[in-house]
């Protein structure tokens, strides 16, 4: 084999060397060079910025040493382990609340019997918040891992640490979403929310301590042309009832009043526990309200 062939072969099997762009004045350099400062490129990258960038440019490249790469590799491995530990904790929390909900449901004869228990019903908001946080955190963890892997590949570094916990968390997410959906739809079967246990008229609602909703709080209960519907809600029990223009209780899936796990309409917990699930799934499986109407209501 000729020397040239040997050299060509070695070049093919050897990873490209890494170069760091170093601006002459560090972070005080011109904007044109600053955007490349401290970035790392492969030596044979066809898109590597060509120096000089501009007339009188004094920037240069430095080879990234093996020792530097080793430090970065260790840092990436430690970060990967930390992300995996976060995933493990989030997975444990989500599974705990999912188990708690399923056990409560199994212990009840039916959904209505389950929701008669004030202790369990009050825990609904906590379970909703925990599962929503779990799903949100899981997405962040997955995104973090993807970014870490992407950056590692640029440096030809392979993450050796296993990400089994992240995979397990991703697999569990559909179960958490399913539980959230079940909890959300159960509010229509709540014992307090049954028509026989709600005020039968606006006058009775006021007498029983219900608050009449402001005009802009009726936007989500005026679908199908029912522009005169008015909502009344109870700040303590979470009950909600909607009356039509004749003072009759509205029960159609699109406009019906639903149990609130949050407090007053403008509170943040009401948004988390009640509004967001409604945006996603509507009042019930029979709710035909289009997504944009669920978000913006009927003005």
Protein backbone atom coordinates (compact mmCIF):
# COMPACT_ATOMS: atom_id res chain seq x y z
CA UNK A 1 0.00 0.00 0.00
CA UNK A 2 1.37 3.42 -0.99
CA UNK A 3 1.97 6.14 1.61
CA UNK A 4 -0.76 8.28 0.03
CA UNK A 5 -3.26 5.44 0.30
CA UNK A 6 -2.35 4.88 3.95
CA UNK A 7 -2.80 8.58 4.68
CA UNK A 8 -6.16 8.63 2.92
CA UNK A 9 -7.29 5.55 4.87
CA UNK A 10 -6.25 7.08 8.21
CA UNK A 11 -8.15 10.26 7.33
CA UNK A 12 -11.29 8.23 6.61
CA UNK A 13 -11.30 6.36 9.93
CA UNK A 14 -10.15 9.27 12.12
CA UNK A 15 -12.86 11.61 13.42
CA UNK A 16 -12.41 15.25 12.26
CA UNK A 17 -10.50 17.40 14.73
CA UNK A 18 -12.48 20.06 16.53
CA UNK A 19 -11.72 23.78 16.32
CA UNK A 20 -12.90 26.53 18.63
CA UNK A 21 -13.47 29.99 17.19
CA UNK A 22 -11.62 32.55 19.34
CA UNK A 23 -12.27 36.25 18.82
CA UNK A 24 -9.36 38.56 19.51
CA UNK A 25 -11.21 40.62 22.10
CA UNK A 26 -13.46 37.92 23.49
CA UNK A 27 -17.02 39.07 24.11
CA UNK A 28 -16.02 42.69 23.35
CA UNK A 29 -15.35 41.98 19.71
CA UNK A 30 -17.48 43.23 16.82
CA UNK A 31 -20.97 41.80 16.36
CA UNK A 32 -19.94 40.02 13.16
CA UNK A 33 -17.33 37.93 14.99
CA UNK A 34 -19.11 37.76 18.33
CA UNK A 35 -21.76 35.42 16.92
CA UNK A 36 -19.01 32.81 16.38
CA UNK A 37 -17.09 33.38 19.60
CA UNK A 38 -16.36 30.14 21.47
CA UNK A 39 -18.33 28.01 19.01
CA UNK A 40 -16.84 24.65 18.03
CA UNK A 41 -16.60 23.38 14.45
CA UNK A 42 -15.23 20.30 12.75
CA UNK A 43 -11.99 21.02 10.95
CA UNK A 44 -13.31 19.73 7.63
CA UNK A 45 -16.75 21.33 7.98
CA UNK A 46 -17.56 22.99 4.65
CA UNK A 47 -19.61 25.64 6.47
CA UNK A 48 -16.90 26.61 8.94
CA UNK A 49 -16.49 30.42 9.05
CA UNK A 50 -13.48 31.48 7.05
CA UNK A 51 -11.01 33.74 8.81
CA UNK A 52 -10.56 36.66 8.37
CA UNK A 53 -14.24 37.43 8.77
CA UNK A 54 -13.67 41.06 7.72
CA UNK A 55 -10.73 43.38 6.98
CA UNK A 56 -8.32 43.67 9.94
CA UNK A 57 -9.99 40.67 11.63
CA UNK A 58 -7.64 39.14 14.20
CA UNK A 59 -9.77 36.16 15.25
CA UNK A 60 -8.33 32.66 15.08
CA UNK A 61 -9.06 28.99 15.72
CA UNK A 62 -7.69 26.78 18.49
CA UNK A 63 -7.75 23.01 18.49
CA UNK A 64 -9.95 21.51 21.20
CA UNK A 65 -7.67 19.28 23.25
CA UNK A 66 -8.44 15.71 24.26
CA UNK A 67 -8.38 16.82 27.89
CA UNK A 68 -11.05 19.44 27.22
CA UNK A 69 -13.21 16.88 25.44
CA UNK A 70 -12.78 14.51 28.37
CA UNK A 71 -13.98 17.20 30.78
CA UNK A 72 -16.98 17.92 28.57
CA UNK A 73 -17.69 14.20 28.27
CA UNK A 74 -17.71 13.83 32.07
CA UNK A 75 -19.95 16.88 32.41
CA UNK A 76 -22.38 15.54 29.83
CA UNK A 77 -22.44 12.15 31.53
CA UNK A 78 -23.16 13.78 34.91
CA UNK A 79 -25.91 15.92 33.38
CA UNK A 80 -27.41 12.84 31.73
CA UNK A 81 -27.49 11.06 35.08
CA UNK A 82 -29.14 14.08 36.70
CA UNK A 83 -31.82 14.25 34.00
CA UNK A 84 -32.44 10.52 34.45
CA UNK A 85 -32.79 10.99 38.22
CA UNK A 86 -35.33 13.76 37.64
CA UNK A 87 -37.25 11.44 35.35
CA UNK A 88 -37.20 8.75 38.06
CA UNK A 89 -38.66 11.14 40.66
CA UNK A 90 -41.31 12.50 38.28
CA UNK A 91 -42.27 8.96 37.25
CA UNK A 92 -42.65 7.92 40.91
CA UNK A 93 -44.87 10.92 41.64
CA UNK A 94 -47.08 10.35 38.61
CA UNK A 95 -47.45 6.65 39.37
CA UNK A 96 -48.30 7.39 43.00
CA UNK A 97 -51.17 9.71 42.12
CA UNK A 98 -52.36 7.41 39.36
CA UNK A 99 -52.45 4.49 41.82
CA UNK A 100 -54.27 6.62 44.38
CA UNK A 101 -56.94 7.55 41.86
CA UNK A 102 -57.39 3.99 40.57
CA UNK A 103 -57.62 2.55 44.10
CA UNK A 104 -60.24 5.12 45.03
CA UNK A 105 -62.28 4.23 41.96
CA UNK A 106 -62.02 0.51 42.65
CA UNK A 107 -63.17 1.05 46.23
CA UNK A 108 -66.35 2.77 45.11
CA UNK A 109 -69.36 0.94 43.72
CA UNK A 110 -69.76 3.53 40.98
CA UNK A 111 -68.62 7.01 39.99
CA UNK A 112 -71.41 8.76 41.88
CA UNK A 113 -70.65 6.79 45.05
CA UNK A 114 -67.00 7.73 44.65
CA UNK A 115 -67.76 11.41 44.38
CA UNK A 116 -70.08 11.42 47.40
CA UNK A 117 -66.97 11.17 49.52
CA UNK A 118 -65.92 14.75 50.24
CA UNK A 119 -62.45 13.61 51.25
CA UNK A 120 -61.86 11.96 47.89
CA UNK A 121 -63.57 14.70 45.93
CA UNK A 122 -61.38 17.36 47.51
CA UNK A 123 -58.30 15.39 46.47
CA UNK A 124 -59.33 15.67 42.82
CA UNK A 125 -57.70 19.08 42.44
CA UNK A 126 -54.46 17.77 43.95
CA UNK A 127 -54.43 14.78 41.60
CA UNK A 128 -55.16 16.98 38.58
CA UNK A 129 -52.38 19.41 39.52
CA UNK A 130 -49.90 16.58 40.16
CA UNK A 131 -50.61 14.80 36.89
CA UNK A 132 -50.56 18.03 34.87
CA UNK A 133 -47.19 18.89 36.44
CA UNK A 134 -45.93 15.38 35.74
CA UNK A 135 -46.86 15.58 32.06
CA UNK A 136 -45.32 19.05 31.74
CA UNK A 137 -42.12 17.98 33.50
CA UNK A 138 -41.87 14.82 31.39
CA UNK A 139 -41.95 16.86 28.19
CA UNK A 140 -39.23 19.16 29.55
CA UNK A 141 -37.08 16.20 30.58
CA UNK A 142 -37.45 14.57 27.17
CA UNK A 143 -36.55 17.83 25.44
CA UNK A 144 -33.50 18.27 27.70
CA UNK A 145 -32.27 14.80 26.82
CA UNK A 146 -32.71 15.44 23.09
CA UNK A 147 -30.76 18.71 23.31
CA UNK A 148 -28.02 17.01 25.32
CA UNK A 149 -27.70 14.20 22.77
CA UNK A 150 -27.70 16.65 19.87
CA UNK A 151 -24.91 18.72 21.39
CA UNK A 152 -22.98 15.57 22.29
CA UNK A 153 -23.06 14.33 18.70
CA UNK A 154 -21.51 17.60 17.55
CA UNK A 155 -18.49 16.81 19.74
CA UNK A 156 -18.48 13.14 18.76
CA UNK A 157 -19.33 12.23 22.35
CA UNK A 158 -21.60 9.28 23.08
CA UNK A 159 -23.69 9.39 26.23
CA UNK A 160 -22.94 6.15 28.00
CA UNK A 161 -25.48 6.56 30.79
CA UNK A 162 -28.74 4.66 30.25
CA UNK A 163 -31.93 6.69 29.90
CA UNK A 164 -34.33 3.89 30.85
CA UNK A 165 -36.14 6.10 33.35
CA UNK A 166 -36.85 8.67 30.64
CA UNK A 167 -38.17 5.93 28.36
CA UNK A 168 -40.38 4.63 31.18
CA UNK A 169 -41.70 8.12 31.85
CA UNK A 170 -42.53 8.62 28.17
CA UNK A 171 -44.37 5.28 28.16
CA UNK A 172 -46.40 6.26 31.25
CA UNK A 173 -47.56 9.63 29.91
CA UNK A 174 -50.61 8.22 28.01
CA UNK A 175 -51.82 6.63 31.28
CA UNK A 176 -51.52 9.96 33.10
CA UNK A 177 -53.41 11.74 30.33
CA UNK A 178 -56.13 9.07 30.40
CA UNK A 179 -56.51 9.48 34.18
CA UNK A 180 -56.77 13.26 33.83
CA UNK A 181 -59.48 12.84 31.23
CA UNK A 182 -61.45 10.45 33.45
CA UNK A 183 -61.19 12.83 36.41
CA UNK A 184 -62.32 15.72 34.25
CA UNK A 185 -65.40 13.92 32.95
CA UNK A 186 -66.29 12.61 36.42
CA UNK A 187 -67.18 16.13 37.57
CA UNK A 188 -70.50 15.83 35.69
CA UNK A 189 -71.36 12.79 37.85
CA UNK A 190 -70.51 14.53 41.11
CA UNK A 191 -73.23 14.05 43.72
CA UNK A 192 -73.52 17.81 44.31
CA UNK A 193 -73.70 18.45 40.59
CA UNK A 194 -76.77 16.30 39.92
CA UNK A 195 -79.81 18.40 38.88
CA UNK A 196 -81.77 17.23 41.94
CA UNK A 197 -79.09 18.72 44.19
CA UNK A 198 -78.75 22.02 42.35
CA UNK A 199 -80.92 25.14 42.77
CA UNK A 200 -83.99 24.85 40.59
CA UNK A 201 -84.16 28.57 39.78
CA UNK A 202 -81.97 31.69 39.78
CA UNK A 203 -83.81 32.92 42.87
CA UNK A 204 -83.08 29.71 44.78
CA UNK A 205 -79.44 29.88 43.66
CA UNK A 206 -79.03 33.31 45.25
CA UNK A 207 -80.77 32.14 48.45
CA UNK A 208 -78.36 29.18 48.68
CA UNK A 209 -75.27 31.38 48.43
CA UNK A 210 -74.50 31.02 44.73
CA UNK A 211 -72.84 33.91 42.90
CA UNK A 212 -74.23 35.16 39.60
CA UNK A 213 -71.51 35.11 36.96
CA UNK A 214 -70.44 38.30 35.26
CA UNK A 215 -71.36 38.67 31.55
CA UNK A 216 -67.87 37.66 30.35
CA UNK A 217 -68.00 34.54 32.55
CA UNK A 218 -70.94 33.18 30.54
CA UNK A 219 -69.03 32.92 27.25
CA UNK A 220 -68.54 29.17 27.54
CA UNK A 221 -72.22 28.42 28.18
CA UNK A 222 -73.89 30.20 25.28
CA UNK A 223 -73.35 27.80 22.41
CA UNK A 224 -75.98 26.70 19.90
CA UNK A 225 -77.55 30.17 19.89
CA UNK A 226 -78.42 30.12 23.61
CA UNK A 227 -77.18 33.67 24.11
CA UNK A 228 -79.35 34.31 27.18
CA UNK A 229 -77.88 31.51 29.33
CA UNK A 230 -76.59 32.66 32.72
CA UNK A 231 -74.29 30.83 35.11
CA UNK A 232 -74.34 30.70 38.89
CA UNK A 233 -71.52 29.16 40.93
CA UNK A 234 -70.81 28.36 44.57
CA UNK A 235 -67.37 29.38 45.85
CA UNK A 236 -67.28 26.74 48.59
CA UNK A 237 -68.92 23.64 47.11
CA UNK A 238 -67.67 24.22 43.57
CA UNK A 239 -71.18 23.64 42.21
CA UNK A 240 -72.14 25.35 38.99
CA UNK A 241 -75.56 25.69 37.40
CA UNK A 242 -76.64 27.37 34.15
CA UNK A 243 -80.17 28.68 33.55
CA UNK A 244 -81.73 29.47 30.18
CA UNK A 245 -83.87 32.54 29.41
CA UNK A 246 -86.89 30.81 30.99
CA UNK A 247 -85.06 30.06 34.25
CA UNK A 248 -84.76 26.34 33.49
CA UNK A 249 -81.58 24.36 34.20
CA UNK A 250 -79.47 23.85 31.07
CA UNK A 251 -78.33 20.25 30.64
CA UNK A 252 -77.09 19.97 27.05
CA UNK A 253 -73.43 18.78 26.84
CA UNK A 254 -72.15 22.01 25.30
CA UNK A 255 -73.58 24.49 27.82
CA UNK A 256 -74.13 22.52 31.01
CA UNK A 257 -72.67 23.75 34.30
CA UNK A 258 -69.82 21.61 35.63
CA UNK A 259 -68.20 21.02 38.99
CA UNK A 260 -65.29 23.37 39.73
CA UNK A 261 -62.21 22.06 41.56
CA UNK A 262 -60.66 25.51 41.56
CA UNK A 263 -62.01 28.53 43.42
CA UNK A 264 -63.20 31.79 41.87
CA UNK A 265 -63.33 32.17 38.05
CA UNK A 266 -60.26 34.41 37.85
CA UNK A 267 -58.08 32.31 40.17
CA UNK A 268 -55.01 30.50 38.84
CA UNK A 269 -56.05 27.16 40.36
CA UNK A 270 -59.38 27.40 38.50
CA UNK A 271 -57.41 27.74 35.27
CA UNK A 272 -55.25 24.70 36.10
CA UNK A 273 -57.92 22.37 37.47
CA UNK A 274 -60.94 23.37 35.39
CA UNK A 275 -60.24 25.57 32.39
CA UNK A 276 -57.28 23.77 30.78
CA UNK A 277 -58.94 20.31 30.91
CA UNK A 278 -62.07 21.89 29.39
CA UNK A 279 -60.05 23.43 26.56
CA UNK A 280 -58.60 20.01 25.76
CA UNK A 281 -61.61 17.69 26.21
CA UNK A 282 -64.78 19.79 26.48
CA UNK A 283 -67.45 19.12 29.13
CA UNK A 284 -68.00 15.47 28.24
CA UNK A 285 -67.47 12.93 25.44
CA UNK A 286 -70.72 14.25 23.93
CA UNK A 287 -69.59 17.90 23.85
CA UNK A 288 -69.40 18.96 20.18
CA UNK A 289 -68.08 22.48 20.86
CA UNK A 290 -65.23 23.23 18.39
CA UNK A 291 -61.80 23.74 19.93
CA UNK A 292 -61.61 27.46 19.10
CA UNK A 293 -65.00 28.02 20.71
CA UNK A 294 -63.86 26.15 23.82
CA UNK A 295 -60.91 28.52 24.04
CA UNK A 296 -62.54 31.84 23.06
CA UNK A 297 -66.16 31.13 23.98
CA UNK A 298 -69.29 32.68 22.45
CA UNK A 299 -69.08 36.47 22.74
